[in-house]
Amino acid sequence: MSEEPKLIISEKSQPISDAGKTVFVEIYRLENANEWALSIDDEFNNTSSWNNDFKTEDAALIEAKRAILEEGIHKFIGPESGKGEWK
């Protein structure tokens, strides 16, 4: 019986704040994978995940910062209950 691969969290993962709000950018991969995944979590445990992977941690972080800058941080903050429409 083989063990499941471990999840590697990038040191590039970080909180980002704008307009008085903070989200957490999480960059991660499975230990046997070469590419990195990206998600942004809000204070209410809502998650926005990217469908594509990134060759480097830096590429994932750049994409997260670009998305927050272009779309606004509020796009990544969902409702407190985790239900309903996004702001």
Protein backbone atom coordinates (compact mmCIF):
# COMPACT_ATOMS: atom_id res chain seq x y z
CA MET A 1 0.00 0.00 0.00
CA SER A 2 1.53 3.31 -1.06
CA GLU A 3 1.28 6.57 0.81
CA GLU A 4 -0.47 9.55 -0.71
CA PRO A 5 1.89 12.31 -1.87
CA LYS A 6 2.48 15.16 0.56
CA LEU A 7 1.25 18.66 -0.16
CA ILE A 8 4.08 21.18 -0.48
CA ILE A 9 3.13 24.77 0.40
CA SER A 10 5.30 27.41 -1.26
CA GLU A 11 7.16 29.95 0.83
CA LYS A 12 5.77 32.47 -1.68
CA SER A 13 2.26 31.98 -0.21
CA GLN A 14 1.26 35.17 1.54
CA PRO A 15 -1.52 37.51 2.62
CA ILE A 16 -2.27 40.44 0.32
CA SER A 17 -4.22 43.47 1.50
CA ASP A 18 -5.96 46.21 -0.45
CA ALA A 19 -8.87 48.56 0.23
CA GLY A 20 -8.97 47.50 3.88
CA LYS A 21 -9.45 43.81 3.00
CA THR A 22 -7.03 40.89 3.12
CA VAL A 23 -6.95 37.63 1.18
CA PHE A 24 -4.45 34.79 1.42
CA VAL A 25 -2.63 33.68 -1.72
CA GLU A 26 -1.79 29.98 -1.49
CA ILE A 27 0.70 28.40 -3.88
CA TYR A 28 1.12 24.64 -3.57
CA ARG A 29 1.91 21.38 -5.31
CA LEU A 30 2.02 17.67 -4.60
CA GLU A 31 5.51 16.47 -3.73
CA ASN A 32 5.73 14.39 -6.92
CA ALA A 33 4.47 17.21 -9.21
CA ASN A 34 6.58 19.78 -11.03
CA GLU A 35 3.98 22.53 -11.48
CA TRP A 36 2.34 24.74 -8.90
CA ALA A 37 -1.36 25.36 -8.21
CA LEU A 38 -2.84 28.68 -7.10
CA SER A 39 -5.79 29.64 -4.95
CA ILE A 40 -6.93 32.73 -3.09
CA ASP A 41 -8.77 32.31 0.20
CA ASP A 42 -10.83 34.99 1.92
CA GLU A 43 -11.57 35.58 5.59
CA PHE A 44 -14.79 33.55 5.32
CA ASN A 45 -13.04 30.41 3.96
CA ASN A 46 -14.26 30.99 0.40
CA THR A 47 -11.69 29.89 -2.17
CA SER A 48 -11.00 31.00 -5.73
CA SER A 49 -8.86 28.42 -7.55
CA TRP A 50 -7.15 28.56 -10.91
CA ASN A 51 -7.76 25.72 -13.35
CA ASN A 52 -4.29 25.93 -14.83
CA ASP A 53 -0.96 25.17 -13.16
CA PHE A 54 2.19 27.29 -13.16
CA LYS A 55 5.76 26.26 -13.96
CA THR A 56 7.18 28.28 -11.05
CA GLU A 57 6.08 29.64 -7.71
CA ASP A 58 6.93 33.13 -8.93
CA ALA A 59 4.66 32.75 -11.97
CA ALA A 60 1.76 31.78 -9.70
CA LEU A 61 2.38 34.72 -7.37
CA ILE A 62 2.60 37.15 -10.30
CA GLU A 63 -0.75 35.85 -11.61
CA ALA A 64 -2.39 36.27 -8.20
CA LYS A 65 -1.13 39.83 -7.86
CA ARG A 66 -2.19 40.64 -11.43
CA ALA A 67 -5.69 39.28 -10.84
CA ILE A 68 -6.10 41.22 -7.58
CA LEU A 69 -4.82 44.42 -9.19
CA GLU A 70 -6.92 44.12 -12.36
CA GLU A 71 -10.13 42.64 -10.93
CA GLY A 72 -10.02 44.16 -7.45
CA ILE A 73 -9.64 42.38 -4.14
CA HIS A 74 -13.43 42.33 -3.59
CA LYS A 75 -13.77 39.87 -6.50
CA PHE A 76 -11.99 37.33 -4.29
CA ILE A 77 -14.10 37.88 -1.20
CA GLY A 78 -17.28 35.87 -0.99
CA PRO A 79 -20.21 36.05 1.39
CA GLU A 80 -19.67 35.40 5.07
CA SER A 81 -21.92 32.34 5.07
CA GLY A 82 -20.15 30.81 2.11
CA LYS A 83 -23.47 30.92 0.24
CA GLY A 84 -24.95 33.29 -2.27
CA GLU A 85 -23.41 35.50 -4.89
CA TRP A 86 -19.94 36.96 -4.84
CA LYS A 87 -19.55 40.68 -4.31
